[in-house]
Structures are given as C-alpha cells and as structure tokens.
C-alpha cells in the first residue's frame, strides 16, 4: 500500500501551513535544512513546503508522500525547487529504497502521523549510509503533567481531523533509541500564543546514524 487518503486534511493543510509559515514555520524549515548536502530522502513531503529551503549542496531529493492530493501538489512544487526533486508514493514503514543509499533523511512534521513511528525510524536508519544524518522537526509530547493530560485528551479527536497526527508521541526519545546519536537538538513552543495549544511542543534536531 502506497496511498493513504485524507481528503479533508489534504485540502486544509496547505492553507493552515501557510499561516504557520508566516508565524515562523518557514524559518524553522530553513534551519532544519541548513547545511544539508548530498542525496536526501524527505519522508512525508506533504505539498512540498520544504522544497524552497534546500541548499545548493544538495544534489538530489527523493520525496515520499502517501496522500495523493498532497503528492500532486508536491510534484508541482518540485518543478520550482532550487535542487532536483522527484516525488513518489510510499509509506514510512515500508520504503521501496535501497539500503545505505542516502546521505540525509528529513522528517518534517510527519512522525506524529505515521502508523508505526518506531518502524518508520528503523526504515530511515536502513536507507541512510553509516554516518548519515536524520534531520527532524516534529510535534512531540509535552514536558509537564498538565500538558501531557491536555494532549492525551486532544488525541481522542485530533487524529481524525489532522491526517492521523498524534500529539503525545515521544518522538525525540524514540529517535535517540533507534540507532541514532543526537548531535544537536532544541525544544520550543510554537506558535507563540496565550491560547492553550496541544500541538505547541516542538523539537528540531540532527541525529547521526550509528
């Protein structure tokens, strides 16, 4: 299975993400990709929001996206990208890609929504060469008891409207335990707002395949 359909979310997400970009999301994407080089796998490319931020040191991007509408939008964005980008169907837990064939893997707001994040991380490690980088920018579980409770309650309905996104995943911990060494990481709340937001805890980092 290479298609996962979320037709309502796929229509809404580009508009929602455009607002996030204006609030600082574009700066996060640029930070995520700064210094990347060589052959890159982007997991869950969505509509191609990362594509404009790839530096010229990247020789090729293979972008995997299982949602058909978002994949079509990503294919259009690929034509305008500053580096060569090919867009293909696929799911995170079963990548049809060769072992040790990429220098960098990018996971950007996607591990919150895959069905089996631990298996997805194993696949990312498999396709990375030894010493290759995993660059990640993800929603993660909060650090306070109150935030975690809020996220667990939100997770009762949030995945239904947000393409399967689950807010309370320990993604940063799973990365550190999946055969990667975290080289640098920062946690932050985004966007800045006084309103309670179960999706505000984020992490952005680089880990190296052991």
Protein backbone atom coordinates (compact mmCIF):
# COMPACT_ATOMS: atom_id res chain seq x y z
CA UNK A 1 0.00 0.00 0.00
CA UNK A 2 1.47 3.33 -1.09
CA UNK A 3 -1.57 5.62 -0.75
CA UNK A 4 -3.12 6.90 2.48
CA UNK A 5 -6.05 9.19 1.75
CA UNK A 6 -7.00 12.09 3.98
CA UNK A 7 -9.08 14.19 1.56
CA UNK A 8 -10.34 16.83 4.01
CA UNK A 9 -6.99 17.30 5.70
CA UNK A 10 -5.22 17.41 2.33
CA UNK A 11 -7.40 20.34 1.28
CA UNK A 12 -6.99 22.24 4.54
CA UNK A 13 -3.33 21.63 5.33
CA UNK A 14 -1.69 23.90 2.72
CA UNK A 15 -3.77 26.85 3.97
CA UNK A 16 -3.09 26.10 7.61
CA UNK A 17 0.61 25.64 6.98
CA UNK A 18 0.80 28.93 5.10
CA UNK A 19 -0.35 30.68 8.27
CA UNK A 20 2.23 28.70 10.26
CA UNK A 21 4.93 29.72 7.79
CA UNK A 22 4.16 33.39 8.33
CA UNK A 23 4.33 32.88 12.10
CA UNK A 24 7.84 31.42 11.89
CA UNK A 25 7.44 27.96 10.40
CA UNK A 26 9.44 28.89 7.28
CA UNK A 27 12.37 29.89 9.48
CA UNK A 28 12.19 26.50 11.21
CA UNK A 29 12.26 24.70 7.86
CA UNK A 30 15.26 26.75 6.73
CA UNK A 31 17.05 25.93 9.99
CA UNK A 32 16.21 22.25 9.56
CA UNK A 33 17.83 22.07 6.12
CA UNK A 34 20.73 24.46 6.58
CA UNK A 35 23.97 22.66 5.75
CA UNK A 36 22.34 19.54 4.29
CA UNK A 37 24.28 18.01 1.42
CA UNK A 38 24.33 15.07 -0.94
CA UNK A 39 21.40 12.79 -1.68
CA UNK A 40 18.35 13.43 0.51
CA UNK A 41 15.25 11.41 1.34
CA UNK A 42 12.33 13.51 2.52
CA UNK A 43 9.71 11.46 4.33
CA UNK A 44 6.11 12.69 4.11
CA UNK A 45 6.82 15.69 1.93
CA UNK A 46 3.23 16.95 2.08
CA UNK A 47 2.66 19.65 -0.52
CA UNK A 48 6.38 20.44 -0.83
CA UNK A 49 6.78 23.18 1.78
CA UNK A 50 10.41 22.23 2.42
CA UNK A 51 11.49 22.27 -1.22
CA UNK A 52 12.38 26.00 -1.50
CA UNK A 53 14.71 25.69 1.50
CA UNK A 54 17.11 23.04 0.18
CA UNK A 55 20.63 24.48 -0.22
CA UNK A 56 22.66 24.03 -3.43
CA UNK A 57 24.90 21.49 -1.67
CA UNK A 58 22.01 19.00 -2.01
CA UNK A 59 22.42 17.03 -5.22
CA UNK A 60 19.03 15.26 -5.24
CA UNK A 61 15.88 14.98 -3.14
CA UNK A 62 13.66 11.90 -3.27
CA UNK A 63 10.38 12.96 -1.68
CA UNK A 64 7.94 10.29 -0.47
CA UNK A 65 4.30 11.25 0.12
CA UNK A 66 1.40 8.77 0.56
CA UNK A 67 -1.53 11.22 0.31
CA UNK A 68 -2.48 11.57 -3.39
CA UNK A 69 -3.71 15.17 -3.36
CA UNK A 70 -0.72 16.40 -1.38
CA UNK A 71 1.60 14.36 -3.59
CA UNK A 72 0.23 16.08 -6.71
CA UNK A 73 0.84 19.48 -5.11
CA UNK A 74 4.36 18.39 -4.17
CA UNK A 75 5.06 17.37 -7.76
CA UNK A 76 4.16 20.90 -8.90
CA UNK A 77 6.36 22.41 -6.19
CA UNK A 78 9.23 20.16 -7.24
CA UNK A 79 9.29 21.81 -10.66
CA UNK A 80 10.08 25.15 -8.95
CA UNK A 81 12.60 23.79 -6.43
CA UNK A 82 16.19 25.07 -6.45
CA UNK A 83 17.55 21.50 -6.48
CA UNK A 84 16.45 18.34 -8.35
CA UNK A 85 13.40 16.82 -6.59
CA UNK A 86 11.48 13.68 -7.54
CA UNK A 87 8.18 12.90 -5.83
CA UNK A 88 6.92 9.36 -5.41
CA UNK A 89 4.25 7.43 -3.47
CA UNK A 90 5.22 5.38 -0.45
CA UNK A 91 4.64 4.79 3.24
CA UNK A 92 7.15 5.39 6.01
CA UNK A 93 7.08 1.87 7.40
CA UNK A 94 7.98 0.16 4.11
CA UNK A 95 10.22 2.31 1.94
CA UNK A 96 10.95 0.93 -1.52
CA UNK A 97 14.50 2.27 -1.41
CA UNK A 98 17.95 0.68 -1.28
CA UNK A 99 19.94 0.21 1.92
CA UNK A 100 22.51 2.93 2.73
CA UNK A 101 21.56 4.95 -0.36
CA UNK A 102 21.07 8.43 1.17
CA UNK A 103 23.31 10.96 2.89
CA UNK A 104 20.45 12.73 4.70
CA UNK A 105 16.90 11.84 5.72
CA UNK A 106 14.39 14.58 6.53
CA UNK A 107 11.35 14.05 8.77
CA UNK A 108 9.33 17.24 9.00
CA UNK A 109 6.01 17.19 10.88
CA UNK A 110 5.41 13.60 9.79
CA UNK A 111 6.43 11.17 12.55
CA UNK A 112 3.45 12.38 14.55
CA UNK A 113 1.13 10.88 11.93
CA UNK A 114 2.74 7.66 10.68
CA UNK A 115 1.08 4.47 11.88
CA UNK A 116 4.21 2.91 13.37
CA UNK A 117 6.87 5.55 14.14
CA UNK A 118 9.38 3.06 15.57
CA UNK A 119 9.28 1.01 12.36
CA UNK A 120 9.47 4.21 10.30
CA UNK A 121 12.65 5.21 12.16
CA UNK A 122 14.11 1.77 11.50
CA UNK A 123 13.42 2.28 7.80
CA UNK A 124 15.06 5.70 7.85
CA UNK A 125 18.12 4.21 9.51
CA UNK A 126 18.21 1.42 6.92
CA UNK A 127 18.26 3.75 3.91
CA UNK A 128 20.86 6.11 5.43
CA UNK A 129 24.53 5.42 4.92
CA UNK A 130 26.61 4.93 8.10
CA UNK A 131 27.23 8.42 9.48
CA UNK A 132 24.31 9.83 7.53
CA UNK A 133 22.09 12.49 9.09
CA UNK A 134 18.49 12.38 10.22
CA UNK A 135 17.16 15.94 10.32
CA UNK A 136 13.87 16.24 12.19
CA UNK A 137 11.31 18.92 13.00
CA UNK A 138 8.38 17.38 14.86
CA UNK A 139 5.47 17.79 17.25
CA UNK A 140 6.34 16.00 20.50
CA UNK A 141 4.96 15.11 23.90
CA UNK A 142 4.92 17.98 26.39
CA UNK A 143 7.12 18.12 29.46
CA UNK A 144 4.58 18.97 32.14
CA UNK A 145 1.88 16.72 33.57
CA UNK A 146 -0.78 19.25 32.66
CA UNK A 147 0.36 19.49 29.04
CA UNK A 148 0.53 15.72 28.68
CA UNK A 149 -3.01 15.35 30.00
CA UNK A 150 -4.19 18.04 27.59
CA UNK A 151 -2.51 16.25 24.69
CA UNK A 152 -4.00 12.88 25.63
CA UNK A 153 -7.48 14.35 25.72
CA UNK A 154 -6.88 16.13 22.40
CA UNK A 155 -5.66 12.87 20.86
CA UNK A 156 -9.16 11.43 21.20
CA UNK A 157 -10.27 13.57 18.28
CA UNK A 158 -7.25 15.34 16.83
CA UNK A 159 -6.07 12.49 14.55
CA UNK A 160 -9.47 12.41 12.84
CA UNK A 161 -9.13 16.00 11.62
CA UNK A 162 -5.34 16.26 11.32
CA UNK A 163 -4.41 13.41 8.99
CA UNK A 164 -3.65 10.94 11.76
CA UNK A 165 -1.40 13.30 13.76
CA UNK A 166 -0.98 12.23 17.39
CA UNK A 167 0.21 14.92 19.75
CA UNK A 168 1.62 12.97 22.68
CA UNK A 169 4.26 10.87 20.95
CA UNK A 170 7.77 10.66 22.45
CA UNK A 171 9.34 11.11 19.03
CA UNK A 172 12.57 12.69 20.30
CA UNK A 173 13.10 9.80 22.73
CA UNK A 174 12.40 7.21 20.04
CA UNK A 175 14.94 8.81 17.69
CA UNK A 176 17.64 8.58 20.37
CA UNK A 177 16.79 4.91 20.89
CA UNK A 178 16.60 3.88 17.23
CA UNK A 179 20.29 3.60 16.36
CA UNK A 180 20.96 7.32 16.07
CA UNK A 181 23.24 9.63 18.04
CA UNK A 182 21.66 13.03 18.59
CA UNK A 183 24.20 15.67 17.58
CA UNK A 184 22.11 18.74 18.35
CA UNK A 185 18.54 19.38 19.37
CA UNK A 186 16.35 22.18 20.66
CA UNK A 187 12.82 22.13 22.04
CA UNK A 188 10.46 25.07 21.79
CA UNK A 189 6.82 26.07 21.88
CA UNK A 190 5.30 27.09 18.55
CA UNK A 191 3.36 29.12 17.68
CA UNK A 192 3.65 31.70 20.42
CA UNK A 193 0.14 32.23 21.73
CA UNK A 194 -1.67 32.70 25.01
CA UNK A 195 -4.35 30.22 23.97
CA UNK A 196 -3.83 26.59 25.10
CA UNK A 197 -2.48 24.58 22.19
CA UNK A 198 -1.86 20.83 22.48
CA UNK A 199 0.33 20.92 19.35
CA UNK A 200 2.74 23.60 20.60
CA UNK A 201 5.68 21.44 21.88
CA UNK A 202 8.18 21.03 19.04
CA UNK A 203 11.66 19.64 18.63
CA UNK A 204 14.18 20.41 15.89
CA UNK A 205 17.41 18.49 15.66
CA UNK A 206 20.05 16.47 13.84
CA UNK A 207 20.92 12.86 14.65
CA UNK A 208 23.59 10.70 13.04
CA UNK A 209 23.17 7.06 12.09
CA UNK A 210 25.41 4.88 14.25
